[in-house]
Each structure stands twice: as structure tokens, then as C-alpha cells.
Amino acid sequence: MEMFDSFKLKNRLTELEDAVSDMRRQMVGIKLEWTDTTVKLNTLLARLSKASQRARELSEQEGGAGAEGATPGNSPEHPRVGALSPRARLIQHQIEERRKQLQKGGTTE
């Protein structure tokens, strides 16, 4: 009987070692994935920070030009217009006007 017990213990030990090896591999994979994710998040945060800085600089430049004829800034109706360049604002305004015209005389489904 001792021989069979020894064999069973060896099998259990081998299974345990395999399980630990699998968990180590999974842990290394998770660490690599987490590192990749943090790099992507940092890149995204840097882009957002840069865009925010550019928007602030643009609004400061336009703020000095006066409010006459200015297009609406960030408001509930136009949440991102303030971040657009003057040309992009003009195009956005044209798109909105076309949509209004289509809604007035456009098709209803």
C-alpha cells in the first residue's frame, strides 16, 4: 500500500506544480496586459491634456477679439463648439442650418 500512496502523492504534487505554473503564466499575461493598458491610458490622457490646453489658448485668443458676431461657445445646445476652430465653427453652423431646413421642409417618416 505504501507504494500506491507514494504514487498518488507524486501525481498530486505534479498536478499542483502544473497548476502553479499555469497561474504564473496567467499572472505574467495579466501584468503585461495591465502595463499595455496603463501606457494606452497615459497616451490618451496626454492627448486630452494637449487638446484641452489648445482649446484654452484658442478661447483666450478669441476672447480678446470681442464678442461681436461670435458663435456660441460651450453651452448645453452646443457642447463642443467652443473647441472648434473658426472655420470648423462656420462649417458646423452650416450643417446645423441645413438640418433645420430639412426638418422644416424635409420628409417625415
C-alpha atoms as a PDB file:
ATOM      1  CA  MET A   1       0.000   0.000   0.000  1.00  0.00           C
ATOM      2  CA  GLU A   2       2.828   2.421   0.631  1.00  0.00           C
ATOM      3  CA  MET A   3       3.849   2.199  -2.994  1.00  0.00           C
ATOM      4  CA  PHE A   4       0.419   3.314  -4.207  1.00  0.00           C
ATOM      5  CA  ASP A   5       0.257   6.137  -1.679  1.00  0.00           C
ATOM      6  CA  SER A   6       3.636   7.378  -2.858  1.00  0.00           C
ATOM      7  CA  PHE A   7       2.461   7.248  -6.477  1.00  0.00           C
ATOM      8  CA  LYS A   8      -0.741   9.156  -5.619  1.00  0.00           C
ATOM      9  CA  LEU A   9       1.265  11.802  -3.782  1.00  0.00           C
ATOM     10  CA  LYS A  10       3.610  12.185  -6.771  1.00  0.00           C
ATOM     11  CA  ASN A  11       0.614  12.651  -9.076  1.00  0.00           C
ATOM     12  CA  ARG A  12      -0.935  15.216  -6.759  1.00  0.00           C
ATOM     13  CA  LEU A  13       2.385  17.051  -6.485  1.00  0.00           C
ATOM     14  CA  THR A  14       2.782  17.075 -10.285  1.00  0.00           C
ATOM     15  CA  GLU A  15      -0.777  18.379 -10.709  1.00  0.00           C
ATOM     16  CA  LEU A  16      -0.132  21.077  -8.107  1.00  0.00           C
ATOM     17  CA  GLU A  17       3.106  22.144  -9.813  1.00  0.00           C
ATOM     18  CA  ASP A  18       1.298  22.317 -13.170  1.00  0.00           C
ATOM     19  CA  ALA A  19      -1.474  24.413 -11.640  1.00  0.00           C
ATOM     20  CA  VAL A  20       1.042  26.819 -10.108  1.00  0.00           C
ATOM     21  CA  SER A  21       2.887  27.091 -13.436  1.00  0.00           C
ATOM     22  CA  ASP A  22      -0.382  27.872 -15.234  1.00  0.00           C
ATOM     23  CA  MET A  23      -1.231  30.540 -12.670  1.00  0.00           C
ATOM     24  CA  ARG A  24       2.230  32.081 -13.034  1.00  0.00           C
ATOM     25  CA  ARG A  25       1.792  32.253 -16.809  1.00  0.00           C
ATOM     26  CA  GLN A  26      -1.621  33.833 -16.381  1.00  0.00           C
ATOM     27  CA  MET A  27      -0.241  36.338 -13.894  1.00  0.00           C
ATOM     28  CA  VAL A  28       2.559  37.337 -16.279  1.00  0.00           C
ATOM     29  CA  GLY A  29      -0.058  37.780 -19.027  1.00  0.00           C
ATOM     30  CA  ILE A  30      -2.201  39.933 -16.764  1.00  0.00           C
ATOM     31  CA  LYS A  31       0.799  42.073 -15.776  1.00  0.00           C
ATOM     32  CA  LEU A  32       1.730  42.589 -19.437  1.00  0.00           C
ATOM     33  CA  GLU A  33      -1.851  43.464 -20.313  1.00  0.00           C
ATOM     34  CA  TRP A  34      -2.048  45.914 -17.404  1.00  0.00           C
ATOM     35  CA  THR A  35       1.231  47.558 -18.440  1.00  0.00           C
ATOM     36  CA  ASP A  36      -0.068  47.920 -22.001  1.00  0.00           C
ATOM     37  CA  THR A  37      -3.337  49.375 -20.711  1.00  0.00           C
ATOM     38  CA  THR A  38      -1.592  51.931 -18.497  1.00  0.00           C
ATOM     39  CA  VAL A  39       0.602  53.017 -21.412  1.00  0.00           C
ATOM     40  CA  LYS A  40      -2.503  53.485 -23.574  1.00  0.00           C
ATOM     41  CA  LEU A  41      -4.278  55.404 -20.802  1.00  0.00           C
ATOM     42  CA  ASN A  42      -1.287  57.679 -20.274  1.00  0.00           C
ATOM     43  CA  THR A  43      -1.125  58.368 -24.013  1.00  0.00           C
ATOM     44  CA  LEU A  44      -4.846  59.168 -24.067  1.00  0.00           C
ATOM     45  CA  LEU A  45      -4.541  61.446 -21.036  1.00  0.00           C
ATOM     46  CA  ALA A  46      -1.632  63.274 -22.659  1.00  0.00           C
ATOM     47  CA  ARG A  47      -3.701  63.804 -25.822  1.00  0.00           C
ATOM     48  CA  LEU A  48      -6.662  65.065 -23.812  1.00  0.00           C
ATOM     49  CA  SER A  49      -4.438  67.408 -21.852  1.00  0.00           C
ATOM     50  CA  LYS A  50      -2.914  68.762 -25.042  1.00  0.00           C
ATOM     51  CA  ALA A  51      -6.339  69.270 -26.651  1.00  0.00           C
ATOM     52  CA  SER A  52      -7.618  70.982 -23.523  1.00  0.00           C
ATOM     53  CA  GLN A  53      -4.620  73.301 -23.491  1.00  0.00           C
ATOM     54  CA  ARG A  54      -5.127  74.133 -27.185  1.00  0.00           C
ATOM     55  CA  ALA A  55      -8.818  74.850 -26.551  1.00  0.00           C
ATOM     56  CA  ARG A  56      -7.953  77.151 -23.654  1.00  0.00           C
ATOM     57  CA  GLU A  57      -5.392  79.012 -25.764  1.00  0.00           C
ATOM     58  CA  LEU A  58      -7.887  79.339 -28.608  1.00  0.00           C
ATOM     59  CA  SER A  59     -10.619  80.666 -26.321  1.00  0.00           C
ATOM     60  CA  GLU A  60      -8.169  83.153 -24.802  1.00  0.00           C
ATOM     61  CA  GLN A  61      -7.196  84.366 -28.274  1.00  0.00           C
ATOM     62  CA  GLU A  62     -10.825  84.680 -29.346  1.00  0.00           C
ATOM     63  CA  GLY A  63     -11.788  86.288 -26.048  1.00  0.00           C
ATOM     64  CA  GLY A  64      -9.505  89.212 -26.865  1.00  0.00           C
ATOM     65  CA  ALA A  65     -11.155  89.638 -30.276  1.00  0.00           C
ATOM     66  CA  GLY A  66     -14.505  90.641 -28.740  1.00  0.00           C
ATOM     67  CA  ALA A  67     -17.908  89.049 -28.654  1.00  0.00           C
ATOM     68  CA  GLU A  68     -19.381  90.691 -31.762  1.00  0.00           C
ATOM     69  CA  GLY A  69     -20.502  88.089 -34.265  1.00  0.00           C
ATOM     70  CA  ALA A  70     -19.109  85.295 -32.163  1.00  0.00           C
ATOM     71  CA  THR A  71     -20.602  81.872 -32.482  1.00  0.00           C
ATOM     72  CA  PRO A  72     -21.991  80.239 -29.370  1.00  0.00           C
ATOM     73  CA  GLY A  73     -19.416  78.753 -27.025  1.00  0.00           C
ATOM     74  CA  ASN A  74     -19.807  75.709 -24.873  1.00  0.00           C
ATOM     75  CA  SER A  75     -23.468  75.557 -23.969  1.00  0.00           C
ATOM     76  CA  PRO A  76     -26.000  72.779 -23.486  1.00  0.00           C
ATOM     77  CA  GLU A  77     -27.061  73.211 -27.116  1.00  0.00           C
ATOM     78  CA  HIS A  78     -23.510  73.330 -28.478  1.00  0.00           C
ATOM     79  CA  PRO A  79     -21.291  71.452 -26.032  1.00  0.00           C
ATOM     80  CA  ARG A  80     -18.186  71.214 -28.239  1.00  0.00           C
ATOM     81  CA  VAL A  81     -18.399  74.271 -30.444  1.00  0.00           C
ATOM     82  CA  GLY A  82     -16.003  76.202 -28.187  1.00  0.00           C
ATOM     83  CA  ALA A  83     -13.203  73.765 -29.014  1.00  0.00           C
ATOM     84  CA  LEU A  84     -13.606  74.208 -32.798  1.00  0.00           C
ATOM     85  CA  SER A  85     -11.517  76.450 -34.985  1.00  0.00           C
ATOM     86  CA  PRO A  86     -13.314  79.410 -36.578  1.00  0.00           C
ATOM     87  CA  ARG A  87     -13.526  77.579 -39.918  1.00  0.00           C
ATOM     88  CA  ALA A  88     -14.866  74.438 -38.248  1.00  0.00           C
ATOM     89  CA  ARG A  89     -17.424  76.549 -36.385  1.00  0.00           C
ATOM     90  CA  LEU A  90     -18.606  78.008 -39.684  1.00  0.00           C
ATOM     91  CA  ILE A  91     -18.967  74.546 -41.194  1.00  0.00           C
ATOM     92  CA  GLN A  92     -20.773  73.307 -38.085  1.00  0.00           C
ATOM     93  CA  HIS A  93     -23.151  76.266 -38.313  1.00  0.00           C
ATOM     94  CA  GLN A  94     -23.825  75.496 -41.985  1.00  0.00           C
ATOM     95  CA  ILE A  95     -24.559  71.863 -41.149  1.00  0.00           C
ATOM     96  CA  GLU A  96     -26.991  72.908 -38.422  1.00  0.00           C
ATOM     97  CA  GLU A  97     -28.766  75.291 -40.809  1.00  0.00           C
ATOM     98  CA  ARG A  98     -29.152  72.533 -43.413  1.00  0.00           C
ATOM     99  CA  ARG A  99     -30.588  70.200 -40.791  1.00  0.00           C
ATOM    100  CA  LYS A 100     -33.085  72.864 -39.714  1.00  0.00           C
ATOM    101  CA  GLN A 101     -34.146  73.374 -43.342  1.00  0.00           C
ATOM    102  CA  LEU A 102     -34.564  69.637 -43.857  1.00  0.00           C
ATOM    103  CA  GLN A 103     -36.658  69.368 -40.709  1.00  0.00           C
ATOM    104  CA  LYS A 104     -38.926  72.223 -41.768  1.00  0.00           C
ATOM    105  CA  GLY A 105     -39.485  71.175 -45.349  1.00  0.00           C
ATOM    106  CA  GLY A 106     -37.968  67.722 -45.266  1.00  0.00           C
ATOM    107  CA  THR A 107     -39.534  64.337 -45.243  1.00  0.00           C
ATOM    108  CA  THR A 108     -41.289  62.828 -42.284  1.00  0.00           C
ATOM    109  CA  GLU A 109     -41.219  59.064 -41.854  1.00  0.00           C
END
